[in-house]
Protein backbone atom coordinates (compact mmCIF):
# COMPACT_ATOMS: atom_id res chain seq x y z
CA MET A 1 0.00 0.00 0.00
CA LEU A 2 2.89 2.36 0.77
CA ALA A 3 4.26 1.74 -2.74
CA VAL A 4 0.95 2.88 -4.21
CA LYS A 5 1.11 6.08 -2.14
CA LEU A 6 4.68 6.70 -3.28
CA VAL A 7 3.58 6.38 -6.92
CA ALA A 8 0.88 8.96 -6.26
CA TYR A 9 3.68 11.34 -5.25
CA LYS A 10 5.73 10.25 -8.30
CA LYS A 11 8.37 8.56 -6.17
CA TYR A 12 8.71 5.65 -8.56
CA GLU A 13 12.17 4.40 -7.59
CA GLU A 14 11.24 4.24 -3.90
CA ALA A 15 8.03 2.40 -4.77
CA ASP A 16 9.93 -0.11 -6.92
CA ASP A 17 12.45 -0.70 -4.13
CA LEU A 18 9.67 -1.32 -1.60
CA VAL A 19 7.94 -3.84 -3.85
CA LYS A 20 11.23 -5.58 -4.66
CA LYS A 21 12.21 -5.89 -0.98
CA ALA A 22 8.77 -7.16 0.02
CA ARG A 23 8.90 -9.85 -2.67
CA GLU A 24 12.43 -10.88 -1.65
CA ASN A 25 11.68 -11.00 2.10
CA ASP A 26 8.29 -12.73 2.05
CA PRO A 27 7.42 -13.87 -1.49
CA ASP A 28 4.68 -16.30 -0.43
CA ASN A 29 2.82 -13.89 1.84
CA PRO A 30 -0.65 -13.43 0.28
CA HIS A 31 -0.70 -9.72 1.15
CA VAL A 32 2.68 -9.21 -0.52
CA ILE A 33 1.51 -11.15 -3.57
CA ARG A 34 -1.72 -9.18 -3.86
CA HIS A 35 -0.28 -5.70 -3.31
CA SER A 36 2.92 -6.18 -5.32
CA GLY A 37 0.98 -7.84 -8.13
CA ASN A 38 -1.55 -5.02 -8.22
CA TYR A 39 1.25 -2.48 -8.16
CA LEU A 40 2.88 -4.09 -11.19
CA LEU A 41 -0.47 -4.41 -12.95
CA ASN A 42 -1.21 -0.72 -12.39
CA GLN A 43 2.26 0.12 -13.75
CA ASN A 44 1.39 -1.95 -16.85
CA ARG A 45 4.28 -4.30 -16.09
CA LEU A 46 2.06 -7.18 -17.04
CA ASP A 47 4.57 -10.01 -17.44
CA GLU A 48 5.99 -9.31 -13.97
CA ALA A 49 2.49 -9.11 -12.49
CA ILE A 50 1.57 -12.44 -14.09
CA VAL A 51 4.62 -14.10 -12.49
CA VAL A 52 3.59 -12.74 -9.07
CA PHE A 53 -0.06 -13.80 -9.32
CA LYS A 54 0.87 -17.25 -10.63
CA ARG A 55 2.94 -17.66 -7.48
CA GLY A 56 -0.26 -16.87 -5.59
CA LEU A 57 -1.99 -19.81 -7.29
CA ARG A 58 0.29 -22.13 -5.31
CA ARG A 59 -1.66 -21.12 -2.23
CA ARG A 60 -5.03 -22.77 -1.68
CA ASP A 61 -6.73 -20.03 0.35
CA GLN A 62 -7.10 -17.15 -2.13
CA LEU A 63 -7.36 -18.84 -5.52
CA PRO A 64 -10.46 -16.95 -6.75
CA SER A 65 -8.78 -13.60 -6.09
CA PHE A 66 -5.49 -14.52 -7.77
CA ASN A 67 -7.28 -16.06 -10.76
CA TYR A 68 -9.26 -12.85 -11.12
CA GLN A 69 -6.11 -10.71 -10.97
CA LEU A 70 -4.46 -12.90 -13.58
CA ALA A 71 -7.51 -12.45 -15.80
CA LEU A 72 -7.12 -8.66 -15.47
CA CYS A 73 -3.49 -8.95 -16.58
CA TYR A 74 -4.48 -10.92 -19.67
CA LYS A 75 -7.33 -8.48 -20.30
CA GLN A 76 -4.78 -5.65 -20.48
CA LYS A 77 -2.71 -7.69 -22.93
CA LYS A 78 -5.84 -8.21 -25.05
CA ILE A 79 -6.68 -4.50 -24.98
CA ALA A 80 -3.10 -3.58 -25.92
CA GLU A 81 -3.33 -5.87 -28.94
CA GLN A 82 -6.71 -4.41 -29.94
CA ARG A 83 -5.30 -0.89 -29.77
CA ARG A 84 -2.80 -1.72 -32.47
CA GLY A 85 -5.72 -1.30 -34.87
CA PRO A 86 -4.94 -2.52 -38.40
CA PHE A 87 -1.63 -3.93 -37.13
CA SER A 88 -3.29 -6.06 -34.43
CA ASN A 89 -2.93 -9.83 -34.45
CA THR A 90 -6.37 -11.42 -34.09
CA GLU A 91 -4.85 -14.76 -33.08
CA GLU A 92 -2.86 -13.06 -30.32
CA GLU A 93 -5.94 -11.12 -29.19
CA GLY A 94 -7.97 -14.34 -29.11
CA LYS A 95 -5.25 -16.08 -27.11
CA TRP A 96 -5.30 -13.43 -24.39
CA ARG A 97 -9.10 -13.44 -24.35
CA ARG A 98 -9.17 -17.19 -23.82
CA CYS A 99 -6.61 -16.84 -21.00
CA CYS A 100 -8.95 -14.30 -19.38
CA ILE A 101 -11.93 -16.60 -19.74
CA SER A 102 -10.05 -19.59 -18.34
CA HIS A 103 -8.98 -17.79 -15.15
CA LEU A 104 -12.38 -16.13 -14.66
CA GLU A 105 -14.16 -19.46 -15.04
CA GLU A 106 -11.87 -20.93 -12.39
CA ALA A 107 -12.54 -17.97 -10.10
CA VAL A 108 -16.35 -18.20 -10.32
CA GLU A 109 -16.31 -21.99 -10.10
CA MET A 110 -14.54 -21.74 -6.75
CA LYS A 111 -16.54 -18.68 -5.66
CA PRO A 112 -19.98 -18.51 -7.37
CA SER A 113 -20.78 -15.26 -5.52
CA PHE A 114 -17.86 -13.49 -7.27
CA VAL A 115 -20.16 -11.20 -9.26
CA ARG A 116 -17.50 -8.85 -10.58
CA ALA A 117 -15.69 -11.79 -12.16
CA LEU A 118 -19.01 -13.01 -13.59
CA ALA A 119 -19.60 -9.63 -15.25
CA GLU A 120 -16.12 -9.68 -16.81
CA LEU A 121 -16.74 -13.24 -17.99
CA ALA A 122 -20.11 -12.38 -19.54
CA LEU A 123 -18.65 -9.61 -21.69
CA LEU A 124 -15.80 -11.87 -22.82
CA TYR A 125 -18.30 -14.56 -23.86
CA ALA A 126 -19.97 -11.89 -25.99
CA GLU A 127 -16.64 -10.96 -27.57
CA GLU A 128 -16.17 -14.64 -28.41
CA GLY A 129 -19.56 -14.58 -30.17
CA ASP A 130 -21.38 -16.75 -27.61
CA LEU A 131 -24.25 -14.32 -27.01
CA SER A 132 -26.59 -16.82 -25.36
CA ARG A 133 -23.97 -17.77 -22.78
CA ALA A 134 -23.16 -14.10 -22.25
CA GLU A 135 -26.84 -13.29 -21.71
CA GLU A 136 -27.23 -16.16 -19.26
CA THR A 137 -24.16 -15.02 -17.29
CA PHE A 138 -25.38 -11.42 -17.20
CA LYS A 139 -28.75 -12.65 -15.91
CA HIS A 140 -26.93 -14.26 -12.96
CA CYS A 141 -25.28 -10.90 -12.27
CA LEU A 142 -28.58 -9.02 -12.42
CA GLU A 143 -30.23 -11.52 -10.07
CA LYS A 144 -27.54 -10.78 -7.48
CA LEU A 145 -27.86 -6.97 -7.74
CA PRO A 146 -30.31 -6.57 -4.80
CA GLU A 147 -27.92 -8.25 -2.37
CA LEU A 148 -24.75 -6.47 -3.50
CA LYS A 149 -23.27 -4.01 -1.01
CA GLU A 150 -20.52 -2.70 -3.29
CA LYS A 151 -22.06 0.04 -5.40
CA ARG A 152 -19.16 0.00 -7.82
CA VAL A 153 -19.86 -3.64 -8.69
CA CYS A 154 -23.49 -2.67 -9.40
CA LEU A 155 -22.19 0.14 -11.61
CA ILE A 156 -19.86 -2.23 -13.48
CA ILE A 157 -22.70 -4.68 -14.13
CA HIS A 158 -24.93 -1.98 -15.63
CA GLN A 159 -22.11 -0.54 -17.75
CA TYR A 160 -21.03 -3.96 -19.04
CA TYR A 161 -24.60 -5.07 -19.73
CA GLY A 162 -25.19 -1.78 -21.53
CA ASP A 163 -22.07 -2.43 -23.63
CA PHE A 164 -23.30 -5.96 -24.33
CA HIS A 165 -26.53 -4.64 -25.82
CA HIS A 166 -24.91 -1.61 -27.47
CA TYR A 167 -22.16 -3.50 -29.29
CA HIS A 168 -23.29 -7.11 -29.51
CA THR A 169 -27.09 -7.46 -29.57
CA LYS A 170 -27.63 -3.98 -31.09
CA ASN A 171 -30.57 -3.51 -28.69
CA GLU A 172 -30.35 0.25 -28.18
CA ALA A 173 -33.31 0.46 -25.80
CA GLN A 174 -31.73 -2.05 -23.40
CA ALA A 175 -28.33 -0.38 -23.71
CA ILE A 176 -29.86 3.00 -22.83
CA ALA A 177 -31.80 1.50 -19.90
CA HIS A 178 -28.66 0.06 -18.29
CA TYR A 179 -26.44 3.05 -19.00
CA LYS A 180 -29.11 5.17 -17.29
CA GLU A 181 -29.16 2.79 -14.32
CA GLY A 182 -25.39 3.17 -14.07
CA LEU A 183 -25.71 6.94 -14.26
CA LEU A 184 -27.99 6.89 -11.20
CA ILE A 185 -25.24 5.34 -9.04
CA PRO A 186 -23.40 8.37 -7.56
CA LEU A 187 -19.84 7.14 -8.01
CA LYS A 188 -17.77 9.24 -10.39
CA LYS A 189 -15.65 6.27 -11.42
CA TYR A 190 -14.44 5.18 -14.85
CA GLU A 191 -17.55 3.03 -15.41
CA TRP A 192 -19.84 5.94 -14.51
CA ARG A 193 -18.05 8.18 -17.00
CA GLN A 194 -18.42 5.46 -19.62
CA CYS A 195 -22.18 5.30 -19.04
CA ALA A 196 -22.42 9.08 -19.48
CA LYS A 197 -20.19 9.00 -22.57
CA LYS A 198 -22.19 6.23 -24.27
CA LEU A 199 -25.51 7.98 -23.58
CA LYS A 200 -24.13 11.17 -25.12
CA GLN A 201 -22.90 9.27 -28.16
CA ILE A 202 -26.26 7.57 -28.67
CA ALA A 203 -28.14 10.86 -28.25
CA ASP A 204 -25.81 12.81 -30.56
CA ARG A 205 -26.07 10.15 -33.26
CA ARG A 206 -29.87 10.17 -33.08
CA LEU A 207 -30.03 13.98 -33.14
CA ALA A 208 -27.80 14.04 -36.21
CA LYS A 209 -30.55 12.10 -37.97
CA ASN A 210 -33.49 13.89 -36.34
CA ARG A 211 -33.13 17.20 -34.49
CA GLY A 212 -36.62 16.71 -33.09
CA ASP A 213 -35.83 13.48 -31.22
CA GLY A 214 -37.25 14.28 -27.79
CA GLU A 215 -35.90 11.14 -26.14
CA ALA A 216 -32.37 11.93 -27.31
CA LEU A 217 -32.63 15.48 -25.96
CA ALA A 218 -33.92 14.13 -22.64
CA LEU A 219 -30.96 11.74 -22.49
CA LEU A 220 -28.59 14.69 -22.82
CA GLY A 221 -30.59 16.43 -20.11
CA GLN A 222 -30.25 13.47 -17.78
CA VAL A 223 -26.50 13.25 -18.37
CA ALA A 224 -26.02 17.00 -17.84
CA ARG A 225 -28.00 16.79 -14.60
CA ALA A 226 -25.95 13.83 -13.36
CA GLU A 227 -22.77 15.77 -14.19
CA GLY A 228 -24.03 18.68 -12.07
CA ASP A 229 -24.84 21.09 -14.91
CA ARG A 230 -28.44 21.86 -13.97
CA LYS A 231 -28.75 24.91 -16.23
CA ARG A 232 -27.77 22.94 -19.32
CA ALA A 233 -29.94 20.02 -18.22
CA ALA A 234 -32.97 22.32 -17.98
CA GLU A 235 -32.27 23.61 -21.50
CA PHE A 236 -32.21 20.07 -22.88
CA TYR A 237 -35.46 19.15 -21.10
CA GLU A 238 -37.10 22.31 -22.46
CA LYS A 239 -36.14 21.25 -25.98
CA ALA A 240 -37.35 17.71 -25.29
CA LEU A 241 -40.73 19.06 -24.15
CA ASN A 242 -41.00 21.14 -27.31
CA CYS A 243 -40.75 17.85 -29.23
CA ASP A 244 -43.05 15.88 -26.90
CA LYS A 245 -45.30 18.39 -25.13
CA ASP A 246 -47.30 15.88 -23.06
CA ASN A 247 -44.37 13.90 -21.67
CA GLU A 248 -44.80 13.89 -17.88
CA GLU A 249 -41.29 12.58 -17.23
CA TYR A 250 -39.66 15.49 -19.06
CA LEU A 251 -42.01 18.01 -17.43
CA SER A 252 -41.32 16.63 -13.94
CA ALA A 253 -37.55 16.74 -14.49
CA LEU A 254 -37.74 20.29 -15.82
CA CYS A 255 -39.83 21.49 -12.85
CA GLU A 256 -37.38 19.93 -10.39
CA LEU A 257 -34.44 21.53 -12.17
CA ARG A 258 -36.06 24.96 -12.21
CA LEU A 259 -36.78 24.73 -8.48
CA GLU A 260 -33.17 23.68 -7.82
CA LEU A 261 -31.85 26.54 -9.95
CA GLN A 262 -34.16 29.01 -8.24
CA GLY A 263 -33.05 27.78 -4.82
CA SER A 264 -29.36 28.03 -5.68
CA SER A 265 -29.74 31.55 -7.10
CA SER A 266 -31.46 32.78 -3.92
CA ASP A 267 -28.73 31.43 -1.61
């Protein structure tokens, strides 16, 4: 943990020394494995991180966690290959994806309640073209939502399921529904920003085809409101109402925003 703090202050050499000493002094300690492996993963030193987490697999007490961390390492390798664009090697990309799937399947087999790993696995099944298996796995995630205490995991599920429908099933209505659910979770994390970004992209694309698309304008209003820009949100809802004058949802949102703006201006 100290190494992570040192990186935050850009003290990279000190952080490296700490991690190196910890691994030399107590290489089989699960805490050392987890923290040093995560440190290397966050530094994008993937091959080193893989070596560390594979050492963790020798232990029998934290296998789901170490399998999950290994899957994240291979996921980063897959993403790096994808980012090479026209120069990417599809066989290499597929190899890393299958490594991800293998470790995630082991993780959830040993710990069926590992919902975050299930969500990762579901999206990878979709990338492999197995949409029915992906859908089934996502359904397991959604069933567990009411009992989840970690809001970020809930956010991840909605963002991933939105991506599943957006990119794989081409079901825009379902994609929008889950991106909106993610937007309602007040955690300004990467996944939250992705939900906002995708909603904006969908709305902008629809408005490029039809400037009078009230639902698209309302989507932009909802995103602006979630981002804290109430004035801009009110403007979008006004435009949405001009396109759909009897829409109670838009009217209610606009009234709430005007009251909030009035209250803030009188403070």
